[in-house]
Amino acid sequence: MTFSIFTTRMALFCTLLAYSLSGNILAAEDVFVVSALFGVVSQTLTGVFVRGFAEFAEGWVSTTRIQTFLLRDEYIGRPGGMILF
């Protein structure tokens, strides 16, 4: 619950900050409309954010593992072709 409120309010803050920094004048009507829209999509916004963060983390770990595997030196087996475990 708390994460949902934080995510929605942080998205609202960043949106309004970007709006005002792009040279537009921020009025109470604009804040109300954007706040109402973020209130409607808050559940979806929270779910997508968490899912996106999890997918990004899994992709990062997979990419790191593949890179580590590909950068290893080539294995040269024993003479005679026997592999010992």
Protein backbone atom coordinates (compact mmCIF):
# COMPACT_ATOMS: atom_id res chain seq x y z
CA MET A 1 0.00 0.00 0.00
CA THR A 2 2.72 2.44 0.94
CA PHE A 3 4.77 1.60 -2.16
CA SER A 4 1.72 2.25 -4.33
CA ILE A 5 1.22 5.69 -2.82
CA PHE A 6 4.91 6.53 -3.08
CA THR A 7 5.13 5.41 -6.71
CA THR A 8 2.05 7.37 -7.73
CA ARG A 9 3.14 10.55 -5.97
CA MET A 10 6.71 10.30 -7.27
CA ALA A 11 5.43 9.85 -10.83
CA LEU A 12 3.12 12.83 -10.34
CA PHE A 13 5.98 14.95 -9.00
CA CYS A 14 8.33 14.01 -11.85
CA THR A 15 5.64 14.67 -14.45
CA LEU A 16 4.79 18.09 -13.05
CA LEU A 17 8.46 18.96 -12.66
CA ALA A 18 9.18 18.05 -16.28
CA TYR A 19 6.11 20.03 -17.37
CA SER A 20 7.24 23.14 -15.55
CA LEU A 21 10.90 22.81 -16.57
CA SER A 22 9.90 22.59 -20.23
CA GLY A 23 8.72 26.20 -20.07
CA ASN A 24 5.02 25.75 -19.34
CA ILE A 25 3.22 27.58 -16.57
CA LEU A 26 1.90 25.20 -13.95
CA ALA A 27 -1.67 26.01 -12.93
CA ALA A 28 -3.94 24.41 -10.34
CA GLU A 29 -6.17 23.01 -13.11
CA ASP A 30 -3.22 21.18 -14.65
CA VAL A 31 -2.18 19.70 -11.31
CA PHE A 32 -5.74 18.55 -10.59
CA VAL A 33 -6.19 16.85 -13.98
CA VAL A 34 -2.82 15.09 -13.87
CA SER A 35 -3.38 14.06 -10.24
CA ALA A 36 -6.80 12.62 -11.11
CA LEU A 37 -5.36 10.68 -14.05
CA PHE A 38 -2.54 9.25 -11.95
CA GLY A 39 -5.10 8.29 -9.31
CA VAL A 40 -7.02 6.27 -11.90
CA VAL A 41 -3.96 4.45 -13.21
CA SER A 42 -2.13 4.10 -9.89
CA GLN A 43 -2.71 0.34 -9.52
CA THR A 44 -1.56 -0.34 -13.07
CA LEU A 45 1.41 2.02 -12.68
CA THR A 46 2.56 0.27 -9.52
CA GLY A 47 2.20 -3.21 -11.01
CA VAL A 48 4.00 -2.34 -14.22
CA PHE A 49 6.82 -0.59 -12.37
CA VAL A 50 7.48 -3.56 -10.09
CA ARG A 51 7.24 -6.04 -12.97
CA GLY A 52 9.54 -3.92 -15.12
CA PHE A 53 12.12 -3.64 -12.35
CA ALA A 54 12.07 -7.42 -11.82
CA GLU A 55 12.43 -8.12 -15.54
CA PHE A 56 15.32 -5.66 -15.81
CA ALA A 57 17.11 -7.31 -12.86
CA GLU A 58 16.67 -10.79 -14.34
CA GLY A 59 17.93 -9.60 -17.72
CA TRP A 60 20.95 -7.98 -16.09
CA VAL A 61 21.86 -11.17 -14.21
CA SER A 62 21.42 -13.30 -17.34
CA THR A 63 23.55 -10.96 -19.43
CA THR A 64 26.30 -10.95 -16.80
CA ARG A 65 26.31 -14.77 -16.64
CA ILE A 66 26.47 -15.12 -20.42
CA GLN A 67 29.25 -12.55 -20.64
CA THR A 68 31.24 -14.33 -17.91
CA PHE A 69 30.79 -17.66 -19.70
CA LEU A 70 31.85 -16.28 -23.08
CA LEU A 71 34.95 -14.56 -21.69
CA ARG A 72 36.36 -17.71 -20.10
CA ASP A 73 39.45 -19.30 -21.55
CA GLU A 74 38.99 -22.23 -23.89
CA TYR A 75 39.12 -25.62 -22.19
CA ILE A 76 41.91 -27.88 -23.40
CA GLY A 77 41.26 -31.49 -22.48
CA ARG A 78 43.70 -34.10 -21.22
CA PRO A 79 45.78 -36.09 -23.68
CA GLY A 80 43.93 -39.22 -24.68
CA GLY A 81 40.55 -37.55 -24.58
CA MET A 82 39.50 -38.79 -21.14
CA ILE A 83 37.49 -36.39 -19.07
CA LEU A 84 37.75 -36.85 -15.35
CA PHE A 85 35.08 -35.55 -13.01
